[in-house]
Amino acid sequence: MKKKYKGNSTPEEIKTEILKAKNIILTAHINPDGDALGSVLAFLMMIEEYNKKFLKNSTDLKKVRIVIDDKLPKYMNKFEESFLIEKYDDFSMDKEADLFISLDCANVERYGRVVEIKEKCKKSINIDHHISNTEHAEMNYVEDVSSTGELLYQFLNLFNIEMTKKIANFLYLGIINDTGNFRHDNVTSETFRICSELIKAGADNHKIANIIFGMNIKKVKLFGDVYRNNVMDKEYGFIYYYLSAEKIREFEIEKDDADGIAELLLKIEKTELSLFVREEDDGILKGSLRCNDKYNVNQIAGIFNGGGHIKAAGFKTELSFSEVLEKIYEKIKEYKNK
């Protein structure tokens, strides 16, 4: 079945633009997950492999840097290559870059302050897999597949390079992150075929899965509270959990300790829609929505100018949690009345 595609550029056109560039900046979204981080690292390594294979003259080599406007999840400390990702506050540009490439970013807001770097680059490219993508660059390539990691696999052939173990590991990281370790229904036979090739090339399934889905004791305690204090509305199959800034301090957790709560809630029997909302330090609420077959959470997140996929989406809002619930209930009542 042909993949759903939108955008104004093909992978071949993007490859041509990359091959013309000398200085390239890569970025991924704020609050970066395994797909965002795996994608930028894998893509940097692909371009470096192209350098090694085809560009013998040092003056022709492409310089590639990664910058993200956020802290990395703690689990990235277990990947030695994470030092390649520069923080926005420590990043400086010697001169205008030829090309700015965002990976796994559905909209400009997801860049954070890196948008300022984009404005200093001659051209921009957007490569993503979110159906809510706003086509926010000069060249846009978006396909509705499991992950940006899966989307990037084709660039190995486009660049005419071999897959290394490191590239395989980071593409695999992206895929298992966004498929929930192959549990979500965004998994296709193509996803498994690509992962088979990644494992043949040396991707370490056991190590990567344990790193990304492992739990420290603080996260275990938090998840225990999620099970005890979630609220289930059986009429709508709607379950939710609110994590206040006060409770974050009480549990002494960092924000990535809360990753996976929306998925956890959706596993509870008879749940059709799950909502996890976390209060940020500045009072902004960050919401994660997941669903089975009854709802479209991309539409629900759209109420708050968020988005993502039909069954997995997110948003940020200045509304109170009670106001968030009120607006979500207004929307899910529409589903019931259809």
Protein backbone atom coordinates (compact mmCIF):
# COMPACT_ATOMS: atom_id res chain seq x y z
CA MET A 1 0.00 0.00 0.00
CA LYS A 2 1.38 3.43 -0.93
CA LYS A 3 2.31 5.57 2.05
CA LYS A 4 0.47 8.81 2.70
CA TYR A 5 2.74 11.66 1.72
CA LYS A 6 2.60 15.42 1.82
CA GLY A 7 5.07 18.19 1.21
CA ASN A 8 6.61 19.99 -1.72
CA SER A 9 9.87 18.04 -2.03
CA THR A 10 10.94 14.47 -2.71
CA PRO A 11 13.72 12.60 -0.91
CA GLU A 12 15.81 12.83 -4.10
CA GLU A 13 15.47 16.63 -4.16
CA ILE A 14 16.43 16.82 -0.50
CA LYS A 15 19.48 14.64 -1.14
CA THR A 16 20.55 16.99 -3.95
CA GLU A 17 20.27 19.99 -1.63
CA ILE A 18 22.28 18.25 1.09
CA LEU A 19 25.03 17.32 -1.37
CA LYS A 20 25.33 20.96 -2.46
CA ALA A 21 25.68 22.24 1.12
CA LYS A 22 28.93 22.65 3.04
CA ASN A 23 27.65 23.71 6.49
CA ILE A 24 24.56 21.92 7.80
CA ILE A 25 22.64 22.39 11.05
CA LEU A 26 20.36 19.59 12.30
CA THR A 27 17.72 20.00 14.97
CA ALA A 28 14.88 18.06 16.61
CA HIS A 29 11.98 19.09 18.80
CA ILE A 30 12.04 20.31 22.38
CA ASN A 31 11.41 17.65 25.01
CA PRO A 32 13.22 15.29 22.62
CA ASP A 33 12.32 11.61 22.60
CA GLY A 34 14.10 8.58 21.20
CA ASP A 35 12.88 9.17 17.67
CA ALA A 36 14.00 12.79 17.62
CA LEU A 37 17.42 12.01 19.10
CA GLY A 38 17.97 8.81 17.17
CA SER A 39 17.08 10.59 13.94
CA VAL A 40 19.46 13.53 14.29
CA LEU A 41 22.35 11.29 15.33
CA ALA A 42 21.72 8.75 12.57
CA PHE A 43 21.40 11.49 9.94
CA LEU A 44 24.61 13.19 11.05
CA MET A 45 26.41 9.84 10.81
CA MET A 46 24.98 9.20 7.35
CA ILE A 47 26.37 12.50 6.09
CA GLU A 48 29.71 11.75 7.75
CA GLU A 49 29.79 8.36 5.98
CA TYR A 50 29.18 10.21 2.71
CA ASN A 51 32.15 12.45 3.58
CA LYS A 52 34.38 9.41 4.11
CA LYS A 53 33.33 7.61 0.96
CA PHE A 54 33.12 10.40 -1.60
CA LEU A 55 34.88 13.52 -0.35
CA LYS A 56 38.61 12.90 -0.06
CA ASN A 57 39.61 16.57 -0.18
CA SER A 58 39.30 18.06 3.32
CA THR A 59 38.11 21.38 1.90
CA ASP A 60 35.06 19.65 0.40
CA LEU A 61 33.94 17.87 3.58
CA LYS A 62 30.50 18.73 4.88
CA LYS A 63 30.41 20.12 8.39
CA VAL A 64 27.35 18.93 10.29
CA ARG A 65 26.24 20.02 13.77
CA ILE A 66 23.24 19.17 15.93
CA VAL A 67 21.61 21.70 18.23
CA ILE A 68 18.54 21.21 20.44
CA ASP A 69 16.91 23.71 22.78
CA ASP A 70 16.39 21.34 25.72
CA LYS A 71 18.07 18.92 28.09
CA LEU A 72 18.47 15.37 26.88
CA PRO A 73 16.67 12.49 28.61
CA LYS A 74 18.87 10.81 31.21
CA TYR A 75 18.98 7.57 29.22
CA MET A 76 21.01 9.32 26.51
CA ASN A 77 23.97 9.28 28.91
CA LYS A 78 24.23 5.59 28.01
CA PHE A 79 24.97 6.46 24.39
CA GLU A 80 28.51 7.79 24.10
CA GLU A 81 27.61 9.65 20.89
CA SER A 82 25.21 11.97 22.72
CA PHE A 83 28.08 14.46 23.15
CA LEU A 84 27.51 15.32 19.47
CA ILE A 85 24.25 17.03 20.42
CA GLU A 86 24.88 20.65 21.39
CA LYS A 87 22.59 22.63 23.68
CA TYR A 88 21.21 25.88 22.34
CA ASP A 89 22.71 27.92 25.20
CA ASP A 90 26.21 26.64 24.34
CA PHE A 91 25.85 26.87 20.57
CA SER A 92 27.56 29.50 18.43
CA MET A 93 27.77 29.89 14.66
CA ASP A 94 30.96 31.09 13.01
CA LYS A 95 29.10 32.02 9.86
CA GLU A 96 25.80 31.58 8.10
CA ALA A 97 25.03 27.90 7.46
CA ASP A 98 23.99 26.64 4.04
CA LEU A 99 21.27 24.35 5.26
CA PHE A 100 19.00 23.93 8.28
CA ILE A 101 17.31 20.52 8.61
CA SER A 102 14.64 19.77 11.21
CA LEU A 103 13.86 16.14 11.97
CA ASP A 104 10.71 14.95 13.75
CA CYS A 105 9.36 18.52 14.19
CA ALA A 106 5.66 18.94 13.41
CA ASN A 107 5.70 22.73 13.62
CA VAL A 108 7.96 25.73 14.20
CA GLU A 109 6.98 25.98 17.86
CA ARG A 110 8.65 22.62 18.44
CA TYR A 111 12.05 24.13 17.57
CA GLY A 112 12.11 26.23 20.72
CA ARG A 113 14.75 28.97 20.44
CA VAL A 114 16.53 27.07 17.66
CA VAL A 115 14.13 28.90 15.32
CA GLU A 116 16.57 31.82 15.66
CA ILE A 117 19.31 29.65 14.15
CA LYS A 118 17.02 28.62 11.31
CA GLU A 119 16.62 32.28 10.38
CA LYS A 120 20.41 32.56 9.96
CA CYS A 121 20.59 29.67 7.47
CA LYS A 122 20.31 30.04 3.72
CA LYS A 123 17.78 27.24 3.22
CA SER A 124 15.59 25.00 5.38
CA ILE A 125 14.36 21.41 5.09
CA ASN A 126 11.69 19.68 7.16
CA ILE A 127 11.68 15.85 7.35
CA ASP A 128 8.96 14.37 9.54
CA HIS A 129 6.29 11.69 9.98
CA HIS A 130 3.55 13.57 11.91
CA ILE A 131 0.27 13.97 10.04
CA SER A 132 -0.18 17.33 11.78
CA ASN A 133 3.02 18.70 10.19
CA THR A 134 2.54 22.30 9.09
CA GLU A 135 5.17 22.19 6.30
CA HIS A 136 7.24 24.88 8.01
CA ALA A 137 10.36 24.90 5.83
CA GLU A 138 11.22 25.80 2.26
CA MET A 139 11.49 22.10 1.43
CA ASN A 140 9.13 19.69 3.19
CA TYR A 141 9.04 15.90 3.13
CA VAL A 142 6.47 14.20 5.36
CA GLU A 143 5.30 10.59 5.23
CA ASP A 144 2.79 8.88 7.49
CA VAL A 145 5.02 6.07 8.73
CA SER A 146 5.86 4.75 12.18
CA SER A 147 8.71 7.14 12.94
CA THR A 148 11.19 9.57 11.49
CA GLY A 149 13.75 6.81 12.03
CA GLU A 150 11.88 4.60 9.58
CA LEU A 151 11.62 7.50 7.14
CA LEU A 152 15.37 8.14 7.18
CA TYR A 153 16.31 4.55 6.31
CA GLN A 154 15.90 5.27 2.58
CA PHE A 155 18.64 7.91 2.70
CA LEU A 156 21.25 5.17 3.00
CA ASN A 157 20.55 4.19 -0.61
CA LEU A 158 20.07 7.79 -1.69
CA PHE A 159 23.53 8.69 -0.37
CA ASN A 160 24.91 5.38 -1.71
CA ILE A 161 26.54 4.53 1.62
CA GLU A 162 26.79 1.42 3.77
CA MET A 163 24.92 1.13 7.04
CA THR A 164 27.18 1.15 10.07
CA LYS A 165 26.35 -0.36 13.44
CA LYS A 166 26.01 3.11 14.96
CA ILE A 167 23.59 4.30 12.28
CA ALA A 168 21.59 1.09 12.74
CA ASN A 169 21.44 1.58 16.50
CA PHE A 170 20.09 5.13 16.26
CA LEU A 171 17.53 4.38 13.55
CA TYR A 172 16.39 1.44 15.67
CA LEU A 173 16.17 3.69 18.74
CA GLY A 174 13.81 5.99 16.84
CA ILE A 175 11.61 3.19 15.58
CA ILE A 176 11.14 1.36 18.87
CA ASN A 177 10.49 4.65 20.66
CA ASP A 178 7.62 5.67 18.39
CA THR A 179 6.15 2.19 18.04
CA GLY A 180 6.18 1.52 21.78
CA ASN A 181 8.54 -1.39 21.11
CA PHE A 182 6.28 -2.54 18.23
CA ARG A 183 3.08 -2.38 20.30
CA HIS A 184 1.38 0.50 18.45
CA ASP A 185 -0.68 0.05 15.31
CA ASN A 186 1.64 2.31 13.29
CA VAL A 187 3.79 -0.80 12.80
CA THR A 188 3.70 -2.27 9.28
CA SER A 189 5.46 -5.06 7.47
CA GLU A 190 7.84 -2.38 6.14
CA THR A 191 8.69 -1.38 9.72
CA PHE A 192 9.65 -4.96 10.52
CA ARG A 193 11.58 -5.33 7.26
CA ILE A 194 13.65 -2.24 8.01
CA CYS A 195 14.27 -3.35 11.59
CA SER A 196 15.41 -6.73 10.30
CA GLU A 197 18.02 -4.95 8.19
CA LEU A 198 19.05 -2.78 11.14
CA ILE A 199 19.60 -5.84 13.35
CA LYS A 200 21.57 -7.53 10.56
CA ALA A 201 23.80 -4.47 10.58
CA GLY A 202 24.40 -4.78 14.31
CA ALA A 203 21.60 -2.85 16.04
CA ASP A 204 21.45 -4.15 19.60
CA ASN A 205 17.76 -4.73 20.30
CA HIS A 206 18.27 -5.94 23.88
CA LYS A 207 20.52 -3.05 24.90
CA ILE A 208 18.50 -0.28 23.25
CA ALA A 209 15.13 -1.52 24.50
CA ASN A 210 16.47 -1.81 28.04
CA ILE A 211 17.94 1.69 27.88
CA ILE A 212 14.84 3.42 26.58
CA PHE A 213 12.20 1.48 28.50
CA GLY A 214 14.15 0.98 31.73
CA MET A 215 12.81 2.46 34.99
CA ASN A 216 14.66 3.95 37.95
CA ILE A 217 13.17 3.72 41.44
CA LYS A 218 11.73 7.24 41.30
CA LYS A 219 9.88 6.39 38.11
CA VAL A 220 8.58 3.17 39.67
CA LYS A 221 7.12 5.17 42.58
CA LEU A 222 5.58 7.68 40.20
CA PHE A 223 3.96 4.95 38.11
CA GLY A 224 2.57 3.46 41.32
CA ASP A 225 0.90 6.81 42.01
CA VAL A 226 -0.48 6.83 38.46
CA TYR A 227 -2.17 3.47 39.07
CA ARG A 228 -3.57 4.61 42.44
CA ASN A 229 -4.72 8.10 41.52
CA ASN A 230 -5.85 8.03 37.91
CA VAL A 231 -9.45 8.93 37.17
CA MET A 232 -11.53 6.68 34.92
CA ASP A 233 -14.75 7.79 33.25
CA LYS A 234 -16.32 4.51 32.20
CA GLU A 235 -19.03 6.19 30.11
CA TYR A 236 -16.45 7.47 27.63
CA GLY A 237 -13.63 5.00 28.29
CA PHE A 238 -11.62 8.09 29.23
CA ILE A 239 -8.83 7.89 31.79
CA TYR A 240 -6.60 10.72 32.97
CA TYR A 241 -3.85 11.61 35.42
CA TYR A 242 -2.57 15.05 36.40
CA LEU A 243 0.98 15.54 37.64
CA SER A 244 1.28 18.89 39.41
CA ALA A 245 4.53 20.79 39.90
CA GLU A 246 4.08 20.17 43.63
CA LYS A 247 3.93 16.42 43.12
CA ILE A 248 6.97 16.55 40.83
CA ARG A 249 8.90 18.13 43.68
CA GLU A 250 7.48 15.61 46.14
CA PHE A 251 8.66 12.65 44.03
CA GLU A 252 11.97 14.43 43.19
CA ILE A 253 11.62 13.43 39.56
CA GLU A 254 12.78 14.99 36.32
CA LYS A 255 10.45 15.47 33.39
CA ASP A 256 11.66 12.44 31.43
CA ASP A 257 10.76 10.21 34.43
CA ALA A 258 7.15 10.87 33.40
CA ASP A 259 7.62 9.55 29.87
CA GLY A 260 5.25 6.70 29.03
CA ILE A 261 2.40 7.58 31.41
CA ALA A 262 -0.15 8.17 28.64
CA GLU A 263 0.74 4.76 27.17
CA LEU A 264 0.57 3.16 30.60
CA LEU A 265 -2.96 4.47 31.16
CA LEU A 266 -4.12 3.24 27.76
CA LYS A 267 -3.16 -0.33 28.70
CA ILE A 268 -5.81 -0.40 31.43
CA GLU A 269 -8.78 -2.56 30.44
CA LYS A 270 -11.73 -0.82 28.73
CA THR A 271 -9.74 2.37 28.13
CA GLU A 272 -10.38 4.10 24.80
CA LEU A 273 -8.71 7.43 25.50
CA SER A 274 -5.92 8.39 27.91
CA LEU A 275 -4.69 11.81 28.96
CA PHE A 276 -1.58 12.63 30.94
CA VAL A 277 -0.98 16.26 31.88
CA ARG A 278 2.17 17.56 33.54
CA GLU A 279 2.55 21.04 35.02
CA GLU A 280 5.78 22.74 33.99
CA ASP A 281 7.80 25.04 36.27
CA ASP A 282 6.31 28.10 34.57
CA GLY A 283 2.75 26.88 35.08
CA ILE A 284 2.28 25.80 31.47
CA LEU A 285 0.54 22.43 31.11
CA LYS A 286 1.96 19.78 28.78
CA GLY A 287 -0.54 17.14 27.68
CA SER A 288 -0.09 13.72 26.08
CA LEU A 289 -3.06 11.94 24.51
CA ARG A 290 -3.32 8.32 23.39
CA CYS A 291 -6.29 6.34 22.09
CA ASN A 292 -7.43 3.04 20.66
CA ASP A 293 -10.01 3.00 17.87
CA LYS A 294 -12.84 5.22 19.07
CA TYR A 295 -11.17 8.65 19.01
CA ASN A 296 -8.77 10.78 16.98
CA VAL A 297 -6.34 12.44 19.39
CA ASN A 298 -4.75 14.54 16.65
CA GLN A 299 -8.10 16.33 16.43
CA ILE A 300 -8.45 16.56 20.22
CA ALA A 301 -4.94 17.99 20.63
CA GLY A 302 -5.82 20.47 17.91
CA ILE A 303 -8.19 22.17 20.36
CA PHE A 304 -5.04 23.43 22.10
CA ASN A 305 -3.07 24.04 18.86
CA GLY A 306 -1.25 20.75 19.38
CA GLY A 307 -1.19 17.65 17.22
CA GLY A 308 0.69 14.55 16.19
CA HIS A 309 -0.98 11.37 14.99
CA ILE A 310 -4.48 9.90 15.06
CA LYS A 311 -3.62 7.70 18.05
CA ALA A 312 -0.82 9.67 19.70
CA ALA A 313 -0.66 13.45 20.06
CA GLY A 314 0.39 16.19 22.43
CA PHE A 315 -0.15 19.84 23.28
CA LYS A 316 0.88 22.72 25.54
CA THR A 317 -1.52 25.22 27.04
CA GLU A 318 -1.82 28.06 29.54
CA LEU A 319 -5.28 26.84 30.53
CA SER A 320 -5.91 25.24 33.92
CA PHE A 321 -6.32 21.48 34.16
CA SER A 322 -10.06 21.84 34.82
CA GLU A 323 -10.39 23.96 31.66
CA VAL A 324 -8.44 21.34 29.69
CA LEU A 325 -10.81 18.61 30.89
CA GLU A 326 -13.84 20.73 30.06
CA LYS A 327 -12.73 21.27 26.47
CA ILE A 328 -11.80 17.60 26.00
CA TYR A 329 -15.18 16.51 27.29
CA GLU A 330 -16.87 18.86 24.83
CA LYS A 331 -14.97 17.14 22.03
CA ILE A 332 -15.43 13.52 23.09
CA LYS A 333 -19.17 14.07 23.54
CA GLU A 334 -19.24 14.86 19.83
CA TYR A 335 -17.82 11.39 19.15
CA LYS A 336 -20.53 9.79 21.26
CA ASN A 337 -23.26 11.66 19.42
CA LYS A 338 -22.04 10.65 15.96
